C-alpha atoms as a PDB file:
ATOM      1  CA  MET A   1      37.289  81.713  27.893  1.00  0.00           C
ATOM      2  CA  SER A   2      36.604  80.461  23.987  1.00  0.00           C
ATOM      3  CA  ARG A   3      34.114  80.922  22.499  1.00  0.00           C
ATOM      4  CA  LYS A   4      32.148  79.676  19.451  1.00  0.00           C
ATOM      5  CA  PRO A   5      30.931  81.835  17.312  1.00  0.00           C
ATOM      6  CA  GLN A   6      27.738  82.734  16.415  1.00  0.00           C
ATOM      7  CA  LEU A   7      26.626  81.331  13.236  1.00  0.00           C
ATOM      8  CA  ARG A   8      23.806  83.814  10.808  1.00  0.00           C
ATOM      9  CA  GLY A   9      21.793  83.178   7.766  1.00  0.00           C
ATOM     10  CA  ARG A  10      21.862  80.643   5.829  1.00  0.00           C
ATOM     11  CA  ALA A  11      25.342  78.920   7.577  1.00  0.00           C
ATOM     12  CA  ALA A  12      23.351  78.597  10.802  1.00  0.00           C
ATOM     13  CA  ARG A  13      20.545  76.682   9.373  1.00  0.00           C
ATOM     14  CA  LEU A  14      22.952  74.300   7.590  1.00  0.00           C
ATOM     15  CA  ALA A  15      24.728  73.850  10.707  1.00  0.00           C
ATOM     16  CA  ARG A  16      21.464  72.559  12.198  1.00  0.00           C
ATOM     17  CA  LEU A  17      21.113  70.078   9.807  1.00  0.00           C
ATOM     18  CA  LEU A  18      24.870  68.424  11.116  1.00  0.00           C
ATOM     19  CA  PRO A  19      23.874  65.694  13.337  1.00  0.00           C
ATOM     20  CA  THR A  20      25.889  67.115  16.786  1.00  0.00           C
ATOM     21  CA  GLY A  21      27.598  64.283  19.474  1.00  0.00           C
ATOM     22  CA  HIS A  22      24.229  63.550  21.251  1.00  0.00           C
ATOM     23  CA  ASP A  23      22.678  62.608  18.368  1.00  0.00           C
ATOM     24  CA  ARG A  24      25.162  60.166  17.265  1.00  0.00           C
ATOM     25  CA  ALA A  25      24.318  57.926  19.885  1.00  0.00           C
ATOM     26  CA  ALA A  26      21.042  57.720  19.748  1.00  0.00           C
ATOM     27  CA  ARG A  27      20.960  56.446  16.183  1.00  0.00           C
ATOM     28  CA  THR A  28      23.319  53.736  16.737  1.00  0.00           C
ATOM     29  CA  PRO A  29      20.242  51.530  17.893  1.00  0.00           C
ATOM     30  CA  PHE A  30      18.577  51.971  15.754  1.00  0.00           C
ATOM     31  CA  MET A  31      21.228  50.896  12.982  1.00  0.00           C
ATOM     32  CA  LEU A  32      21.941  47.856  14.806  1.00  0.00           C
ATOM     33  CA  LEU A  33      17.704  46.969  14.354  1.00  0.00           C
ATOM     34  CA  VAL A  34      18.235  47.767  10.748  1.00  0.00           C
ATOM     35  CA  VAL A  35      21.635  46.046  10.204  1.00  0.00           C
ATOM     36  CA  LEU A  36      20.134  42.586  12.231  1.00  0.00           C
ATOM     37  CA  LEU A  37      16.675  42.848   9.664  1.00  0.00           C
ATOM     38  CA  LEU A  38      18.371  42.955   6.594  1.00  0.00           C
ATOM     39  CA  GLY A  39      21.097  39.791   8.312  1.00  0.00           C
ATOM     40  CA  GLY A  40      17.419  37.823   9.521  1.00  0.00           C
ATOM     41  CA  GLY A  41      16.641  38.307   6.599  1.00  0.00           C
ATOM     42  CA  LEU A  42      19.112  37.202   4.784  1.00  0.00           C
ATOM     43  CA  ILE A  43      19.738  34.036   6.527  1.00  0.00           C
ATOM     44  CA  THR A  44      16.118  33.219   5.980  1.00  0.00           C
ATOM     45  CA  LEU A  45      16.200  33.693   2.696  1.00  0.00           C
ATOM     46  CA  LEU A  46      19.252  31.256   2.565  1.00  0.00           C
ATOM     47  CA  MET A  47      17.109  28.511   4.406  1.00  0.00           C
ATOM     48  CA  LEU A  48      14.211  28.838   1.838  1.00  0.00           C
ATOM     49  CA  ASN A  49      16.374  28.536  -0.566  1.00  0.00           C
ATOM     50  CA  SER A  50      17.692  25.837   0.194  1.00  0.00           C
ATOM     51  CA  SER A  51      14.302  24.245   0.517  1.00  0.00           C
ATOM     52  CA  LEU A  52      13.559  24.427  -1.974  1.00  0.00           C
ATOM     53  CA  ASN A  53      16.045  22.877  -4.097  1.00  0.00           C
ATOM     54  CA  GLU A  54      16.135  20.484  -1.331  1.00  0.00           C
ATOM     55  CA  GLY A  55      12.244  19.824  -2.736  1.00  0.00           C
ATOM     56  CA  SER A  56      13.293  19.902  -5.851  1.00  0.00           C
ATOM     57  CA  PHE A  57      15.798  17.402  -5.651  1.00  0.00           C
ATOM     58  CA  GLN A  58      13.359  14.626  -3.812  1.00  0.00           C
ATOM     59  CA  LEU A  59      10.937  15.732  -6.761  1.00  0.00           C
ATOM     60  CA  THR A  60      12.933  14.306  -9.214  1.00  0.00           C
ATOM     61  CA  LYS A  61      13.714  11.542  -7.549  1.00  0.00           C
ATOM     62  CA  VAL A  62      10.276  10.110  -7.743  1.00  0.00           C
ATOM     63  CA  LYS A  63       9.704  11.086 -10.806  1.00  0.00           C
ATOM     64  CA  ARG A  64      12.311   9.059 -11.530  1.00  0.00           C
ATOM     65  CA  GLN A  65      10.489   6.270  -9.049  1.00  0.00           C
ATOM     66  CA  THR A  66       7.505   6.864 -11.112  1.00  0.00           C
ATOM     67  CA  GLN A  67       8.573   6.747 -14.753  1.00  0.00           C
ATOM     68  CA  ASP A  68      10.818   3.135 -13.254  1.00  0.00           C
ATOM     69  CA  LEU A  69       7.634   1.990 -12.297  1.00  0.00           C
ATOM     70  CA  THR A  70       5.922   3.174 -15.405  1.00  0.00           C
ATOM     71  CA  ASP A  71       7.845   0.341 -17.684  1.00  0.00           C
ATOM     72  CA  GLU A  72       7.889  -2.201 -15.624  1.00  0.00           C
ATOM     73  CA  GLU A  73       4.294  -2.081 -15.652  1.00  0.00           C
ATOM     74  CA  GLN A  74       4.477  -1.813 -19.444  1.00  0.00           C
ATOM     75  CA  GLN A  75       7.051  -4.643 -19.547  1.00  0.00           C
ATOM     76  CA  LEU A  76       4.836  -6.931 -16.937  1.00  0.00           C
ATOM     77  CA  GLN A  77       2.020  -6.049 -18.701  1.00  0.00           C
ATOM     78  CA  ARG A  78       3.357  -6.721 -22.480  1.00  0.00           C
ATOM     79  CA  GLU A  79       4.020 -10.483 -20.724  1.00  0.00           C
ATOM     80  CA  VAL A  80       0.366 -11.002 -19.924  1.00  0.00           C
ATOM     81  CA  ASP A  81      -0.790  -9.813 -23.302  1.00  0.00           C
ATOM     82  CA  GLU A  82       1.411 -12.510 -24.534  1.00  0.00           C
ATOM     83  CA  TYR A  83       0.535 -15.197 -21.987  1.00  0.00           C
ATOM     84  CA  ALA A  84      -2.977 -14.634 -22.889  1.00  0.00           C
ATOM     85  CA  ALA A  85      -3.212 -14.578 -26.456  1.00  0.00           C
ATOM     86  CA  PRO A  86      -5.223 -17.351 -28.152  1.00  0.00           C
ATOM     87  CA  ASP A  87      -1.809 -19.596 -29.517  1.00  0.00           C
ATOM     88  CA  ALA A  88      -0.008 -19.066 -25.981  1.00  0.00           C
ATOM     89  CA  LEU A  89      -2.796 -20.621 -24.054  1.00  0.00           C
ATOM     90  CA  GLN A  90      -3.073 -23.572 -26.736  1.00  0.00           C
ATOM     91  CA  ARG A  91       0.424 -24.186 -26.492  1.00  0.00           C
ATOM     92  CA  ARG A  92       0.988 -24.020 -23.120  1.00  0.00           C
ATOM     93  CA  ALA A  93      -2.954 -26.102 -22.560  1.00  0.00           C
ATOM     94  CA  ARG A  94      -1.099 -29.263 -24.614  1.00  0.00           C
ATOM     95  CA  GLU A  95       1.839 -28.559 -22.553  1.00  0.00           C
ATOM     96  CA  LEU A  96      -0.281 -29.844 -19.466  1.00  0.00           C
ATOM     97  CA  GLY A  97      -1.797 -32.229 -21.121  1.00  0.00           C
ATOM     98  CA  MET A  98      -5.480 -30.857 -21.950  1.00  0.00           C
ATOM     99  CA  VAL A  99      -7.764 -31.532 -25.314  1.00  0.00           C
ATOM    100  CA  PRO A 100     -10.456 -29.569 -27.279  1.00  0.00           C
ATOM    101  CA  GLY A 101     -14.028 -30.156 -24.958  1.00  0.00           C
ATOM    102  CA  GLY A 102     -16.023 -30.719 -27.766  1.00  0.00           C
ATOM    103  CA  ASP A 103     -19.490 -30.033 -28.299  1.00  0.00           C
ATOM    104  CA  PRO A 104     -20.821 -29.393 -24.778  1.00  0.00           C
ATOM    105  CA  ALA A 105     -23.982 -30.873 -22.855  1.00  0.00           C
ATOM    106  CA  PHE A 106     -26.434 -28.581 -20.914  1.00  0.00           C
ATOM    107  CA  LEU A 107     -28.236 -29.564 -18.407  1.00  0.00           C
ATOM    108  CA  SER A 108     -31.692 -28.262 -17.967  1.00  0.00           C
ATOM    109  CA  PRO A 109     -33.738 -26.898 -15.204  1.00  0.00           C
ATOM    110  CA  ASP A 110     -36.129 -29.908 -14.905  1.00  0.00           C
ATOM    111  CA  GLY A 111     -33.746 -32.684 -15.661  1.00  0.00           C
ATOM    112  CA  THR A 112     -33.951 -32.791 -18.940  1.00  0.00           C
ATOM    113  CA  VAL A 113     -30.417 -33.080 -20.636  1.00  0.00           C
ATOM    114  CA  ARG A 114     -30.109 -31.037 -24.147  1.00  0.00           C
ATOM    115  CA  GLY A 115     -26.932 -32.929 -26.170  1.00  0.00           C
ATOM    116  CA  VAL A 116     -25.001 -35.767 -26.053  1.00  0.00           C
ATOM    117  CA  PRO A 117     -21.982 -35.966 -23.044  1.00  0.00           C
ATOM    118  CA  ARG A 118     -19.087 -37.850 -24.161  1.00  0.00           C
ATOM    119  CA  ALA A 119     -15.690 -37.718 -22.844  1.00  0.00           C
ATOM    120  CA  ALA A 120     -12.734 -35.474 -24.522  1.00  0.00           C
ATOM    121  CA  PRO A 121     -10.959 -37.006 -27.569  1.00  0.00           C
ATOM    122  CA  GLY A 122      -7.118 -37.567 -26.056  1.00  0.00           C
ATOM    123  CA  PRO A 123      -4.328 -39.812 -25.822  1.00  0.00           C
ATOM    124  CA  PRO A 124      -5.360 -42.903 -24.285  1.00  0.00           C
ATOM    125  CA  ALA A 125      -2.560 -42.932 -21.605  1.00  0.00           C
ATOM    126  CA  LEU A 126      -5.078 -39.782 -20.420  1.00  0.00           C
ATOM    127  CA  ARG A 127      -8.375 -41.502 -20.453  1.00  0.00           C
ATOM    128  CA  GLN A 128      -6.982 -44.818 -18.987  1.00  0.00           C
ATOM    129  CA  SER A 129      -5.621 -41.980 -15.987  1.00  0.00           C
ATOM    130  CA  ALA A 130      -8.763 -40.476 -16.068  1.00  0.00           C
ATOM    131  CA  ALA A 131     -11.158 -43.739 -16.304  1.00  0.00           C
ATOM    132  CA  ARG A 132      -8.875 -45.332 -12.500  1.00  0.00           C
ATOM    133  CA  PRO A 133     -10.556 -44.528  -8.924  1.00  0.00           C
ATOM    134  CA  PRO A 134      -8.442 -42.702  -6.497  1.00  0.00           C
ATOM    135  CA  VAL A 135      -7.020 -43.764  -4.089  1.00  0.00           C
ATOM    136  CA  PRO A 136      -8.486 -43.276  -1.179  1.00  0.00           C
ATOM    137  CA  LEU A 137      -5.785 -41.812   1.279  1.00  0.00           C
ATOM    138  CA  THR A 138      -5.975 -43.685   5.023  1.00  0.00           C
ATOM    139  CA  PRO A 139      -6.837 -41.405   8.208  1.00  0.00           C
ATOM    140  CA  VAL A 140      -3.641 -40.340  10.440  1.00  0.00           C
ATOM    141  CA  PRO A 141      -4.969 -41.477  14.355  1.00  0.00           C
ATOM    142  CA  PRO A 142      -4.223 -38.332  16.368  1.00  0.00           C
ATOM    143  CA  ALA A 143      -1.386 -37.933  18.894  1.00  0.00           C
ATOM    144  CA  PRO A 144      -2.164 -39.849  22.352  1.00  0.00           C
ATOM    145  CA  ARG A 145      -2.497 -37.640  24.845  1.00  0.00           C
ATOM    146  CA  ALA A 146      -1.426 -36.562  28.422  1.00  0.00           C
ATOM    147  CA  PRO A 147      -3.898 -37.496  30.759  1.00  0.00           C
ATOM    148  CA  GLY A 148      -6.492 -34.815  31.964  1.00  0.00           C
ATOM    149  CA  ALA A 149      -5.413 -32.495  28.977  1.00  0.00           C
ATOM    150  CA  ALA A 150      -7.869 -30.631  27.434  1.00  0.00           C
ATOM    151  CA  PRO A 151      -8.246 -31.188  24.158  1.00  0.00           C
ATOM    152  CA  PRO A 152      -6.667 -29.630  21.328  1.00  0.00           C
ATOM    153  CA  SER A 153      -8.992 -27.223  19.815  1.00  0.00           C
ATOM    154  CA  GLY A 154      -8.865 -25.021  16.173  1.00  0.00           C
ATOM    155  CA  PRO A 155      -9.719 -25.728  12.888  1.00  0.00           C
ATOM    156  CA  MET A 156      -6.448 -28.674  12.296  1.00  0.00           C
ATOM    157  CA  ALA A 157      -7.923 -30.426  15.942  1.00  0.00           C
ATOM    158  CA  PRO A 158      -9.435 -33.305  15.056  1.00  0.00           C
ATOM    159  CA  ARG A 159     -13.611 -33.782  15.705  1.00  0.00           C
ATOM    160  CA  PRO A 160     -15.132 -36.106  17.566  1.00  0.00           C
ATOM    161  CA  PRO A 161     -17.226 -38.931  15.288  1.00  0.00           C
ATOM    162  CA  GLY A 162     -20.701 -36.851  14.687  1.00  0.00           C
ATOM    163  CA  ALA A 163     -19.714 -33.243  15.565  1.00  0.00           C
ATOM    164  CA  PRO A 164     -20.205 -30.800  12.278  1.00  0.00           C
ATOM    165  CA  ALA A 165     -17.999 -29.966   9.956  1.00  0.00           C
ATOM    166  CA  GLY A 166     -16.176 -27.075  10.194  1.00  0.00           C
ATOM    167  CA  GLY A 167     -15.701 -27.290  14.018  1.00  0.00           C
ATOM    168  CA  SER A 168     -18.898 -24.495  15.141  1.00  0.00           C
ATOM    169  CA  ARG A 169     -21.388 -26.706  16.897  1.00  0.00           C
ATOM    170  CA  PRO A 170     -25.042 -26.540  15.288  1.00  0.00           C
ATOM    171  CA  ALA A 171     -26.818 -23.260  15.513  1.00  0.00           C
ATOM    172  CA  SER A 172     -29.946 -24.656  17.606  1.00  0.00           C
ATOM    173  CA  ALA A 173     -27.634 -25.180  20.593  1.00  0.00           C
ATOM    174  CA  PRO A 174     -28.216 -22.513  23.221  1.00  0.00           C
ATOM    175  CA  SER A 175     -25.379 -20.291  24.022  1.00  0.00           C
ATOM    176  CA  ALA A 176     -24.333 -20.945  28.206  1.00  0.00           C
ATOM    177  CA  HIS A 177     -23.754 -16.896  27.977  1.00  0.00           C
ATOM    178  CA  PRO A 178     -25.990 -13.989  26.822  1.00  0.00           C
ATOM    179  CA  ALA A 179     -24.938 -11.965  23.840  1.00  0.00           C
ATOM    180  CA  PRO A 180     -23.280  -8.951  24.345  1.00  0.00           C
ATOM    181  CA  THR A 181     -25.836  -5.728  23.264  1.00  0.00           C
ATOM    182  CA  THR A 182     -23.758  -2.368  22.491  1.00  0.00           C
ATOM    183  CA  SER A 183     -25.825  -0.093  23.179  1.00  0.00           C
ATOM    184  CA  GLY A 184     -24.978  -0.202  27.365  1.00  0.00           C
ATOM    185  CA  ARG A 185     -27.981  -0.260  28.689  1.00  0.00           C
END
């Protein structure tokens, strides 16, 4: 019969601080929980860091695109400014055959003319071509329809003689159907 010796005094107090077999089994789930929490925290931190890096790359890409578009806008604005310069406008107008207008004449609301209306000075070829009356266009006859077919409709459909322009009926014509109301009553 072997028995453990009984400890007394200071040794007994120290022995109580040491874990026994059944206490060690109770600590295992706690240690497992702590390890899982630390591992989960590290994985979450890694995912957060990678998403921040991805956002940083996207921000850099968008900043680069913004800078490229700003440079392009400035280049286009310089081109517009070059075309809008008075000497460039005058050169392009002469290339198109335009001439300076001279002094204008004004028509007052009561019908009197202030100033002397006259043609702008320019090359004789331009004045002759402007003096010629325009050549009238011959109307194109509509394509023949099949018997019993509905007449074409739409903005490009031919109008019958005497019909108003724009393809709409006159404002005084009564409608066959009353206009719907929006109140729902």
